[in-house]
């Protein structure tokens, strides 16, 4: 196990490894449907989601773009921006966006990266068995430019946008309130919208926990959720 960890670190040190959760999002300059952008600088102080898709004018990707756009205001309410990516040229992105508008009356407002393959290679997005097609991936990046989550999907399965929204809200809540987020939050089967308190680090704190929080045991305590 130790040797494997060493090998991963060695590869990353040489610049050949993909970024991992907890790493800084790599600095890059990209061409998009809204002009040149520098990442993560363009979204400094905000959360952002970079999501890749296998290709323009493909069925599943089209449904995903529509779904992302229909929830764009909800992402923005969380101070979170969206940016798409595939190994396609700008004119292909623009014609596809135009097609979506003409057929579904949905205007794609977020930028889409026209990648030559360099960005996809840096982020480890090229599908090993699909030529230059990018995998269906999601990177959730916080205001400090730290990668908080990475999700990968097969070509045949579209993403669940509501889950991605839930993740962003969950990260923000966890950061703000120093808590952990339970399964299926905010509709957890045990504690509903409650927030999990990190386990006590000493006996005295563990003993006092039930006085302040609702506890099933010393290591499983939670508090009610509230915005303020």
C-alpha atoms as a PDB file:
ATOM      1  CA  UNK A   1       0.000   0.000   0.000  1.00  0.00           C
ATOM      2  CA  UNK A   2       2.796   2.384   0.936  1.00  0.00           C
ATOM      3  CA  UNK A   3       4.572   1.701  -2.372  1.00  0.00           C
ATOM      4  CA  UNK A   4       1.404   2.529  -4.352  1.00  0.00           C
ATOM      5  CA  UNK A   5       0.970   5.840  -2.524  1.00  0.00           C
ATOM      6  CA  UNK A   6       4.620   6.643  -3.204  1.00  0.00           C
ATOM      7  CA  UNK A   7       4.184   5.880  -6.904  1.00  0.00           C
ATOM      8  CA  UNK A   8       1.133   8.166  -7.172  1.00  0.00           C
ATOM      9  CA  UNK A   9       3.012  11.000  -5.484  1.00  0.00           C
ATOM     10  CA  UNK A  10       6.053  10.416  -7.695  1.00  0.00           C
ATOM     11  CA  UNK A  11       3.967  10.580 -10.865  1.00  0.00           C
ATOM     12  CA  UNK A  12       2.196  13.733  -9.702  1.00  0.00           C
ATOM     13  CA  UNK A  13       5.519  15.329  -8.822  1.00  0.00           C
ATOM     14  CA  UNK A  14       6.675  14.818 -12.406  1.00  0.00           C
ATOM     15  CA  UNK A  15       3.545  16.586 -13.617  1.00  0.00           C
ATOM     16  CA  UNK A  16       2.049  13.497 -15.229  1.00  0.00           C
ATOM     17  CA  UNK A  17      -0.718  12.838 -12.736  1.00  0.00           C
ATOM     18  CA  UNK A  18      -4.221  14.236 -12.792  1.00  0.00           C
ATOM     19  CA  UNK A  19      -5.237  16.620  -9.991  1.00  0.00           C
ATOM     20  CA  UNK A  20      -6.909  15.041  -6.979  1.00  0.00           C
ATOM     21  CA  UNK A  21      -9.499  16.145  -4.434  1.00  0.00           C
ATOM     22  CA  UNK A  22      -7.848  18.713  -2.176  1.00  0.00           C
ATOM     23  CA  UNK A  23      -5.427  19.882  -4.885  1.00  0.00           C
ATOM     24  CA  UNK A  24      -5.353  23.368  -6.354  1.00  0.00           C
ATOM     25  CA  UNK A  25      -7.167  23.533  -9.678  1.00  0.00           C
ATOM     26  CA  UNK A  26      -4.431  23.813 -12.355  1.00  0.00           C
ATOM     27  CA  UNK A  27      -3.843  27.271 -13.814  1.00  0.00           C
ATOM     28  CA  UNK A  28      -4.734  27.408 -17.495  1.00  0.00           C
ATOM     29  CA  UNK A  29      -5.804  29.773 -20.250  1.00  0.00           C
ATOM     30  CA  UNK A  30      -8.711  28.477 -22.295  1.00  0.00           C
ATOM     31  CA  UNK A  31     -10.672  29.483 -25.370  1.00  0.00           C
ATOM     32  CA  UNK A  32     -14.422  29.502 -24.757  1.00  0.00           C
ATOM     33  CA  UNK A  33     -17.668  30.472 -26.430  1.00  0.00           C
ATOM     34  CA  UNK A  34     -17.397  33.721 -24.457  1.00  0.00           C
ATOM     35  CA  UNK A  35     -13.775  34.506 -25.310  1.00  0.00           C
ATOM     36  CA  UNK A  36     -10.460  33.696 -23.653  1.00  0.00           C
ATOM     37  CA  UNK A  37     -10.543  32.936 -19.932  1.00  0.00           C
ATOM     38  CA  UNK A  38      -7.950  32.191 -17.283  1.00  0.00           C
ATOM     39  CA  UNK A  39      -8.850  29.441 -14.839  1.00  0.00           C
ATOM     40  CA  UNK A  40      -9.338  29.416 -11.930  1.00  0.00           C
ATOM     41  CA  UNK A  41      -8.701  33.200 -11.887  1.00  0.00           C
ATOM     42  CA  UNK A  42     -11.887  33.988 -13.860  1.00  0.00           C
ATOM     43  CA  UNK A  43     -13.969  32.653 -10.963  1.00  0.00           C
ATOM     44  CA  UNK A  44     -11.825  33.949  -8.106  1.00  0.00           C
ATOM     45  CA  UNK A  45     -13.846  34.222  -4.899  1.00  0.00           C
ATOM     46  CA  UNK A  46     -16.636  32.035  -6.295  1.00  0.00           C
ATOM     47  CA  UNK A  47     -17.439  28.371  -6.497  1.00  0.00           C
ATOM     48  CA  UNK A  48     -17.391  26.943  -9.987  1.00  0.00           C
ATOM     49  CA  UNK A  49     -18.161  23.677 -11.709  1.00  0.00           C
ATOM     50  CA  UNK A  50     -16.198  22.534 -14.729  1.00  0.00           C
ATOM     51  CA  UNK A  51     -17.968  19.704 -16.504  1.00  0.00           C
ATOM     52  CA  UNK A  52     -16.789  17.861 -19.591  1.00  0.00           C
ATOM     53  CA  UNK A  53     -18.926  16.127 -22.190  1.00  0.00           C
ATOM     54  CA  UNK A  54     -17.954  13.602 -24.903  1.00  0.00           C
ATOM     55  CA  UNK A  55     -19.023  15.766 -27.840  1.00  0.00           C
ATOM     56  CA  UNK A  56     -21.357  18.351 -29.343  1.00  0.00           C
ATOM     57  CA  UNK A  57     -24.531  17.270 -31.132  1.00  0.00           C
ATOM     58  CA  UNK A  58     -24.840  14.089 -29.072  1.00  0.00           C
ATOM     59  CA  UNK A  59     -28.119  13.027 -27.416  1.00  0.00           C
ATOM     60  CA  UNK A  60     -27.162  12.606 -23.744  1.00  0.00           C
ATOM     61  CA  UNK A  61     -24.942  15.702 -23.733  1.00  0.00           C
ATOM     62  CA  UNK A  62     -27.763  17.777 -25.199  1.00  0.00           C
ATOM     63  CA  UNK A  63     -30.116  16.767 -22.389  1.00  0.00           C
ATOM     64  CA  UNK A  64     -27.392  17.594 -19.861  1.00  0.00           C
ATOM     65  CA  UNK A  65     -26.765  21.077 -21.251  1.00  0.00           C
ATOM     66  CA  UNK A  66     -30.472  21.864 -21.141  1.00  0.00           C
ATOM     67  CA  UNK A  67     -30.673  20.576 -17.551  1.00  0.00           C
ATOM     68  CA  UNK A  68     -27.645  22.608 -16.444  1.00  0.00           C
ATOM     69  CA  UNK A  69     -29.060  25.764 -18.022  1.00  0.00           C
ATOM     70  CA  UNK A  70     -32.500  25.278 -16.457  1.00  0.00           C
ATOM     71  CA  UNK A  71     -30.774  25.207 -13.046  1.00  0.00           C
ATOM     72  CA  UNK A  72     -28.246  27.935 -13.799  1.00  0.00           C
ATOM     73  CA  UNK A  73     -30.034  30.499 -11.614  1.00  0.00           C
ATOM     74  CA  UNK A  74     -30.039  28.002  -8.734  1.00  0.00           C
ATOM     75  CA  UNK A  75     -26.277  27.537  -9.085  1.00  0.00           C
ATOM     76  CA  UNK A  76     -25.809  31.307  -9.199  1.00  0.00           C
ATOM     77  CA  UNK A  77     -27.905  31.691  -6.056  1.00  0.00           C
ATOM     78  CA  UNK A  78     -25.172  29.589  -4.421  1.00  0.00           C
ATOM     79  CA  UNK A  79     -22.536  31.933  -5.914  1.00  0.00           C
ATOM     80  CA  UNK A  80     -21.461  29.097  -8.199  1.00  0.00           C
ATOM     81  CA  UNK A  81     -20.625  29.399 -11.901  1.00  0.00           C
ATOM     82  CA  UNK A  82     -20.670  26.749 -14.629  1.00  0.00           C
ATOM     83  CA  UNK A  83     -18.243  26.101 -17.469  1.00  0.00           C
ATOM     84  CA  UNK A  84     -18.457  23.236 -19.956  1.00  0.00           C
ATOM     85  CA  UNK A  85     -15.705  21.528 -21.937  1.00  0.00           C
ATOM     86  CA  UNK A  86     -15.163  19.139 -24.822  1.00  0.00           C
ATOM     87  CA  UNK A  87     -12.553  18.549 -27.511  1.00  0.00           C
ATOM     88  CA  UNK A  88     -14.497  20.471 -30.155  1.00  0.00           C
ATOM     89  CA  UNK A  89     -13.943  23.765 -31.949  1.00  0.00           C
ATOM     90  CA  UNK A  90     -15.664  27.002 -30.961  1.00  0.00           C
ATOM     91  CA  UNK A  91     -17.821  27.090 -34.101  1.00  0.00           C
ATOM     92  CA  UNK A  92     -19.103  23.595 -33.285  1.00  0.00           C
ATOM     93  CA  UNK A  93     -20.046  24.698 -29.751  1.00  0.00           C
ATOM     94  CA  UNK A  94     -21.782  27.805 -31.105  1.00  0.00           C
ATOM     95  CA  UNK A  95     -23.792  25.898 -33.722  1.00  0.00           C
ATOM     96  CA  UNK A  96     -24.826  23.335 -31.103  1.00  0.00           C
ATOM     97  CA  UNK A  97     -25.875  26.076 -28.677  1.00  0.00           C
ATOM     98  CA  UNK A  98     -27.840  27.665 -31.518  1.00  0.00           C
ATOM     99  CA  UNK A  99     -29.508  24.302 -32.271  1.00  0.00           C
ATOM    100  CA  UNK A 100     -30.512  23.920 -28.610  1.00  0.00           C
ATOM    101  CA  UNK A 101     -32.052  27.399 -28.654  1.00  0.00           C
ATOM    102  CA  UNK A 102     -33.963  26.752 -31.874  1.00  0.00           C
ATOM    103  CA  UNK A 103     -35.310  23.372 -30.770  1.00  0.00           C
ATOM    104  CA  UNK A 104     -35.860  23.772 -27.016  1.00  0.00           C
ATOM    105  CA  UNK A 105     -36.045  27.545 -26.546  1.00  0.00           C
ATOM    106  CA  UNK A 106     -33.216  27.272 -24.012  1.00  0.00           C
ATOM    107  CA  UNK A 107     -30.387  29.812 -24.193  1.00  0.00           C
ATOM    108  CA  UNK A 108     -27.083  28.386 -22.915  1.00  0.00           C
ATOM    109  CA  UNK A 109     -25.624  31.260 -20.880  1.00  0.00           C
ATOM    110  CA  UNK A 110     -22.519  29.642 -19.404  1.00  0.00           C
ATOM    111  CA  UNK A 111     -19.210  29.441 -21.315  1.00  0.00           C
ATOM    112  CA  UNK A 112     -18.032  26.249 -23.013  1.00  0.00           C
ATOM    113  CA  UNK A 113     -14.328  25.521 -23.469  1.00  0.00           C
ATOM    114  CA  UNK A 114     -13.169  24.639 -26.975  1.00  0.00           C
ATOM    115  CA  UNK A 115     -10.295  22.347 -26.067  1.00  0.00           C
ATOM    116  CA  UNK A 116      -7.541  21.127 -28.357  1.00  0.00           C
ATOM    117  CA  UNK A 117      -6.926  18.253 -25.960  1.00  0.00           C
ATOM    118  CA  UNK A 118      -4.430  19.988 -23.676  1.00  0.00           C
ATOM    119  CA  UNK A 119      -6.920  20.853 -20.925  1.00  0.00           C
ATOM    120  CA  UNK A 120      -8.567  17.437 -21.094  1.00  0.00           C
ATOM    121  CA  UNK A 121      -5.152  15.788 -20.828  1.00  0.00           C
ATOM    122  CA  UNK A 122      -4.188  17.951 -17.834  1.00  0.00           C
ATOM    123  CA  UNK A 123      -7.389  17.033 -16.018  1.00  0.00           C
ATOM    124  CA  UNK A 124      -7.369  13.364 -17.056  1.00  0.00           C
ATOM    125  CA  UNK A 125     -10.549  13.639 -19.116  1.00  0.00           C
ATOM    126  CA  UNK A 126      -9.668  11.703 -22.267  1.00  0.00           C
ATOM    127  CA  UNK A 127     -11.552   8.403 -22.430  1.00  0.00           C
ATOM    128  CA  UNK A 128      -8.961   5.596 -22.841  1.00  0.00           C
ATOM    129  CA  UNK A 129     -11.097   3.671 -25.331  1.00  0.00           C
ATOM    130  CA  UNK A 130     -12.914   6.492 -27.128  1.00  0.00           C
ATOM    131  CA  UNK A 131     -10.240   8.297 -29.154  1.00  0.00           C
ATOM    132  CA  UNK A 132     -10.233  12.019 -28.341  1.00  0.00           C
ATOM    133  CA  UNK A 133     -13.649  11.995 -26.671  1.00  0.00           C
ATOM    134  CA  UNK A 134     -13.688  13.447 -23.187  1.00  0.00           C
ATOM    135  CA  UNK A 135     -15.313  11.478 -20.396  1.00  0.00           C
ATOM    136  CA  UNK A 136     -18.413  12.790 -18.654  1.00  0.00           C
ATOM    137  CA  UNK A 137     -16.753  14.429 -15.631  1.00  0.00           C
ATOM    138  CA  UNK A 138     -17.512  17.087 -13.021  1.00  0.00           C
ATOM    139  CA  UNK A 139     -15.022  19.147 -11.000  1.00  0.00           C
ATOM    140  CA  UNK A 140     -16.432  21.174  -8.097  1.00  0.00           C
ATOM    141  CA  UNK A 141     -14.001  23.951  -7.130  1.00  0.00           C
ATOM    142  CA  UNK A 142     -14.301  26.263  -4.117  1.00  0.00           C
ATOM    143  CA  UNK A 143     -13.554  30.024  -3.881  1.00  0.00           C
ATOM    144  CA  UNK A 144      -9.949  29.261  -2.895  1.00  0.00           C
ATOM    145  CA  UNK A 145      -9.423  27.306  -6.108  1.00  0.00           C
ATOM    146  CA  UNK A 146      -9.378  23.942  -4.305  1.00  0.00           C
ATOM    147  CA  UNK A 147     -10.933  20.903  -5.982  1.00  0.00           C
ATOM    148  CA  UNK A 148     -13.579  19.678  -3.541  1.00  0.00           C
ATOM    149  CA  UNK A 149     -15.118  16.885  -5.603  1.00  0.00           C
ATOM    150  CA  UNK A 150     -14.546  14.940  -8.827  1.00  0.00           C
ATOM    151  CA  UNK A 151     -17.265  12.852 -10.461  1.00  0.00           C
ATOM    152  CA  UNK A 152     -16.993  10.574 -13.494  1.00  0.00           C
ATOM    153  CA  UNK A 153     -19.817   9.054 -15.514  1.00  0.00           C
ATOM    154  CA  UNK A 154     -19.906   6.564 -18.405  1.00  0.00           C
ATOM    155  CA  UNK A 155     -21.016   7.777 -21.835  1.00  0.00           C
ATOM    156  CA  UNK A 156     -24.403   6.088 -21.593  1.00  0.00           C
ATOM    157  CA  UNK A 157     -25.407   7.713 -18.268  1.00  0.00           C
ATOM    158  CA  UNK A 158     -26.350  11.368 -17.958  1.00  0.00           C
ATOM    159  CA  UNK A 159     -25.589  13.362 -14.824  1.00  0.00           C
ATOM    160  CA  UNK A 160     -28.041  14.186 -12.034  1.00  0.00           C
ATOM    161  CA  UNK A 161     -27.964  17.988 -11.822  1.00  0.00           C
ATOM    162  CA  UNK A 162     -29.956  18.083  -8.591  1.00  0.00           C
ATOM    163  CA  UNK A 163     -27.278  15.961  -6.907  1.00  0.00           C
ATOM    164  CA  UNK A 164     -24.577  18.344  -8.127  1.00  0.00           C
ATOM    165  CA  UNK A 165     -26.575  21.263  -6.720  1.00  0.00           C
ATOM    166  CA  UNK A 166     -26.955  19.352  -3.443  1.00  0.00           C
ATOM    167  CA  UNK A 167     -23.207  18.813  -3.278  1.00  0.00           C
ATOM    168  CA  UNK A 168     -22.424  22.508  -3.690  1.00  0.00           C
ATOM    169  CA  UNK A 169     -24.951  23.484  -1.020  1.00  0.00           C
ATOM    170  CA  UNK A 170     -23.661  20.682   1.208  1.00  0.00           C
ATOM    171  CA  UNK A 171     -20.040  21.820   0.899  1.00  0.00           C
ATOM    172  CA  UNK A 172     -21.001  25.409   1.655  1.00  0.00           C
ATOM    173  CA  UNK A 173     -23.055  24.372   4.679  1.00  0.00           C
ATOM    174  CA  UNK A 174     -20.295  22.094   5.983  1.00  0.00           C
ATOM    175  CA  UNK A 175     -17.699  24.859   5.613  1.00  0.00           C
ATOM    176  CA  UNK A 176     -19.842  27.564   7.203  1.00  0.00           C
ATOM    177  CA  UNK A 177     -21.097  25.547  10.160  1.00  0.00           C
ATOM    178  CA  UNK A 178     -18.174  23.104  10.705  1.00  0.00           C
ATOM    179  CA  UNK A 179     -20.412  20.070  10.321  1.00  0.00           C
ATOM    180  CA  UNK A 180     -20.699  16.961   8.149  1.00  0.00           C
ATOM    181  CA  UNK A 181     -23.550  16.258   5.752  1.00  0.00           C
ATOM    182  CA  UNK A 182     -25.557  13.012   6.133  1.00  0.00           C
ATOM    183  CA  UNK A 183     -26.732  10.735   3.333  1.00  0.00           C
ATOM    184  CA  UNK A 184     -29.558  12.047   1.151  1.00  0.00           C
ATOM    185  CA  UNK A 185     -29.430  15.420   2.918  1.00  0.00           C
ATOM    186  CA  UNK A 186     -31.611  17.401   3.381  1.00  0.00           C
ATOM    187  CA  UNK A 187     -33.993  14.426   3.535  1.00  0.00           C
ATOM    188  CA  UNK A 188     -31.954  11.945   5.555  1.00  0.00           C
ATOM    189  CA  UNK A 189     -33.913   8.924   6.764  1.00  0.00           C
ATOM    190  CA  UNK A 190     -32.602   9.249  10.346  1.00  0.00           C
ATOM    191  CA  UNK A 191     -32.096  12.936  11.094  1.00  0.00           C
ATOM    192  CA  UNK A 192     -33.969  14.664   8.275  1.00  0.00           C
ATOM    193  CA  UNK A 193     -32.382  18.049   7.565  1.00  0.00           C
ATOM    194  CA  UNK A 194     -30.078  17.729  10.585  1.00  0.00           C
ATOM    195  CA  UNK A 195     -26.322  18.309  10.400  1.00  0.00           C
ATOM    196  CA  UNK A 196     -23.792  15.874  11.864  1.00  0.00           C
ATOM    197  CA  UNK A 197     -21.409  17.169  14.513  1.00  0.00           C
ATOM    198  CA  UNK A 198     -17.826  15.904  14.120  1.00  0.00           C
ATOM    199  CA  UNK A 199     -16.940  13.216  16.730  1.00  0.00           C
ATOM    200  CA  UNK A 200     -15.542  14.506  20.029  1.00  0.00           C
ATOM    201  CA  UNK A 201     -11.762  14.510  20.312  1.00  0.00           C
ATOM    202  CA  UNK A 202     -11.631  14.065  24.098  1.00  0.00           C
ATOM    203  CA  UNK A 203     -13.679  12.533  26.947  1.00  0.00           C
ATOM    204  CA  UNK A 204     -14.837  15.829  28.454  1.00  0.00           C
ATOM    205  CA  UNK A 205     -16.279  17.026  25.149  1.00  0.00           C
ATOM    206  CA  UNK A 206     -17.953  13.659  24.563  1.00  0.00           C
ATOM    207  CA  UNK A 207     -19.653  13.803  27.976  1.00  0.00           C
ATOM    208  CA  UNK A 208     -20.991  17.313  27.367  1.00  0.00           C
ATOM    209  CA  UNK A 209     -22.228  16.603  23.841  1.00  0.00           C
ATOM    210  CA  UNK A 210     -25.775  15.469  24.842  1.00  0.00           C
ATOM    211  CA  UNK A 211     -26.267  18.756  26.714  1.00  0.00           C
ATOM    212  CA  UNK A 212     -25.849  20.758  23.527  1.00  0.00           C
ATOM    213  CA  UNK A 213     -26.830  18.409  20.697  1.00  0.00           C
ATOM    214  CA  UNK A 214     -29.148  15.524  19.937  1.00  0.00           C
ATOM    215  CA  UNK A 215     -27.156  12.303  20.233  1.00  0.00           C
ATOM    216  CA  UNK A 216     -27.682   8.619  19.508  1.00  0.00           C
ATOM    217  CA  UNK A 217     -24.293   7.972  21.107  1.00  0.00           C
ATOM    218  CA  UNK A 218     -21.186  10.020  21.915  1.00  0.00           C
ATOM    219  CA  UNK A 219     -19.879   9.615  18.361  1.00  0.00           C
ATOM    220  CA  UNK A 220     -23.170  10.281  16.532  1.00  0.00           C
ATOM    221  CA  UNK A 221     -24.598  13.679  17.394  1.00  0.00           C
ATOM    222  CA  UNK A 222     -26.420  16.177  15.247  1.00  0.00           C
ATOM    223  CA  UNK A 223     -27.926  19.626  15.352  1.00  0.00           C
ATOM    224  CA  UNK A 224     -30.906  21.162  13.645  1.00  0.00           C
ATOM    225  CA  UNK A 225     -30.380  22.994  10.400  1.00  0.00           C
ATOM    226  CA  UNK A 226     -30.916  26.733  10.177  1.00  0.00           C
ATOM    227  CA  UNK A 227     -29.710  29.354   7.714  1.00  0.00           C
ATOM    228  CA  UNK A 228     -28.190  31.771  10.220  1.00  0.00           C
END
